[in-house]
Amino acid sequence: MQQEEPEDFCIATGKASSVRDFVELAWSYFGKKIRWEGVGINEKGFDSETGDLIISVDSAYFRPTEVEMLLGDPTKAHEKLGWFPKITLKDMVFEMMEHDLKLLKTN
């Protein structure tokens, strides 16, 4: 907001992470691990201790024009703004988990 001229910037880590990575981090918040079975649309994640099914692929959530990989390039933000990420993916996922658990307790 303090720039002389308006510009578009990509605020991103520049690192790729999958939905699987995100799910594994979210489940690790509880000190647990996921055992994966199947491939593609048939992939399922099970609690490694109990064997309970905790996640599966649902094609209802596919994007109409899915791309193989999305990766933001923050170079311009680094160079022009001196911006760098201040949080890791793990820390962000844990913050999200804490927030959602608080919401569950209050509702």
Protein backbone atom coordinates (compact mmCIF):
# COMPACT_ATOMS: atom_id res chain seq x y z
CA MET A 1 0.00 0.00 0.00
CA GLN A 2 2.99 2.31 0.37
CA GLN A 3 4.14 1.89 -3.23
CA GLU A 4 4.22 4.94 -5.54
CA GLU A 5 2.39 3.10 -8.33
CA PRO A 6 -0.10 0.25 -7.97
CA GLU A 7 1.23 -3.14 -9.07
CA ASP A 8 0.23 -6.77 -8.81
CA PHE A 9 2.31 -9.01 -6.58
CA CYS A 10 2.20 -12.75 -6.00
CA ILE A 11 2.42 -13.49 -2.29
CA ALA A 12 3.53 -17.12 -2.16
CA THR A 13 6.24 -19.35 -0.75
CA GLY A 14 7.52 -20.51 -4.13
CA LYS A 15 7.38 -24.07 -2.78
CA ALA A 16 4.98 -26.75 -4.01
CA SER A 17 2.80 -28.71 -1.59
CA SER A 18 0.08 -31.21 -2.35
CA VAL A 19 -3.35 -31.67 -0.81
CA ARG A 20 -1.91 -34.89 0.60
CA ASP A 21 0.86 -32.88 2.33
CA PHE A 22 -1.77 -30.55 3.80
CA VAL A 23 -3.91 -33.45 5.06
CA GLU A 24 -0.90 -35.21 6.60
CA LEU A 25 0.08 -32.03 8.43
CA ALA A 26 -3.48 -31.48 9.67
CA TRP A 27 -3.68 -35.05 10.98
CA SER A 28 -0.21 -34.74 12.55
CA TYR A 29 -1.62 -31.89 14.68
CA PHE A 30 -3.19 -34.69 16.74
CA GLY A 31 0.10 -36.62 16.80
CA LYS A 32 -1.23 -39.13 14.27
CA LYS A 33 -0.14 -40.53 10.90
CA ILE A 34 -2.06 -41.50 7.79
CA ARG A 35 -1.69 -44.76 5.87
CA TRP A 36 -2.55 -44.21 2.20
CA GLU A 37 -4.12 -46.87 -0.01
CA GLY A 38 -5.23 -46.78 -3.64
CA VAL A 39 -4.38 -44.45 -6.48
CA GLY A 40 -6.03 -41.38 -7.99
CA ILE A 41 -9.81 -41.24 -7.53
CA ASN A 42 -9.62 -44.45 -5.47
CA GLU A 43 -7.07 -43.15 -2.97
CA LYS A 44 -8.06 -43.26 0.70
CA GLY A 45 -6.35 -42.25 3.91
CA PHE A 46 -6.65 -44.32 7.07
CA ASP A 47 -5.58 -43.59 10.62
CA SER A 48 -2.36 -45.63 10.92
CA GLU A 49 -3.19 -46.72 14.50
CA THR A 50 -6.91 -47.51 14.35
CA GLY A 51 -7.37 -48.27 10.66
CA ASP A 52 -10.35 -45.87 10.56
CA LEU A 53 -11.01 -44.22 7.21
CA ILE A 54 -10.44 -40.49 7.66
CA ILE A 55 -10.30 -39.11 4.12
CA SER A 56 -11.07 -40.11 0.54
CA VAL A 57 -11.11 -38.45 -2.86
CA ASP A 58 -14.44 -36.97 -3.93
CA SER A 59 -14.72 -35.94 -7.58
CA ALA A 60 -17.42 -33.40 -6.60
CA TYR A 61 -14.55 -31.14 -5.53
CA PHE A 62 -12.54 -31.36 -8.75
CA ARG A 63 -12.11 -28.10 -10.62
CA PRO A 64 -13.59 -28.02 -14.13
CA THR A 65 -10.18 -27.25 -15.63
CA GLU A 66 -7.77 -28.80 -13.18
CA VAL A 67 -4.06 -28.12 -13.57
CA GLU A 68 -1.36 -30.55 -12.50
CA MET A 69 0.53 -28.10 -10.31
CA LEU A 70 -0.02 -24.59 -9.00
CA LEU A 71 3.08 -22.77 -7.85
CA GLY A 72 3.30 -19.08 -6.99
CA ASP A 73 6.42 -17.11 -7.90
CA PRO A 74 7.10 -14.49 -5.20
CA THR A 75 10.24 -13.08 -6.87
CA LYS A 76 8.70 -9.67 -7.59
CA ALA A 77 7.46 -9.35 -3.99
CA HIS A 78 10.94 -10.30 -2.71
CA GLU A 79 12.74 -7.84 -4.98
CA LYS A 80 10.41 -4.83 -4.83
CA LEU A 81 8.88 -5.16 -1.36
CA GLY A 82 11.49 -7.14 0.54
CA TRP A 83 8.66 -9.58 1.37
CA PHE A 84 9.40 -13.10 2.53
CA PRO A 85 7.10 -15.69 4.13
CA LYS A 86 7.03 -15.48 7.92
CA ILE A 87 5.33 -18.80 8.57
CA THR A 88 5.91 -22.38 7.47
CA LEU A 89 3.20 -24.52 5.92
CA LYS A 90 3.17 -26.67 9.06
CA ASP A 91 2.73 -23.66 11.33
CA MET A 92 -0.06 -22.31 9.11
CA VAL A 93 -1.89 -25.67 9.11
CA PHE A 94 -1.55 -25.90 12.91
CA GLU A 95 -2.94 -22.35 13.29
CA MET A 96 -5.88 -23.31 11.10
CA MET A 97 -6.49 -26.45 13.16
CA GLU A 98 -6.40 -24.48 16.42
CA HIS A 99 -8.83 -21.92 15.03
CA ASP A 100 -11.29 -24.52 13.75
CA LEU A 101 -11.14 -26.51 16.99
CA LYS A 102 -11.92 -23.33 18.96
CA LEU A 103 -14.90 -22.72 16.67
CA LEU A 104 -16.12 -26.28 17.26
CA LYS A 105 -15.93 -25.80 21.03
CA THR A 106 -17.87 -22.51 20.95
CA ASN A 107 -20.61 -23.79 18.64
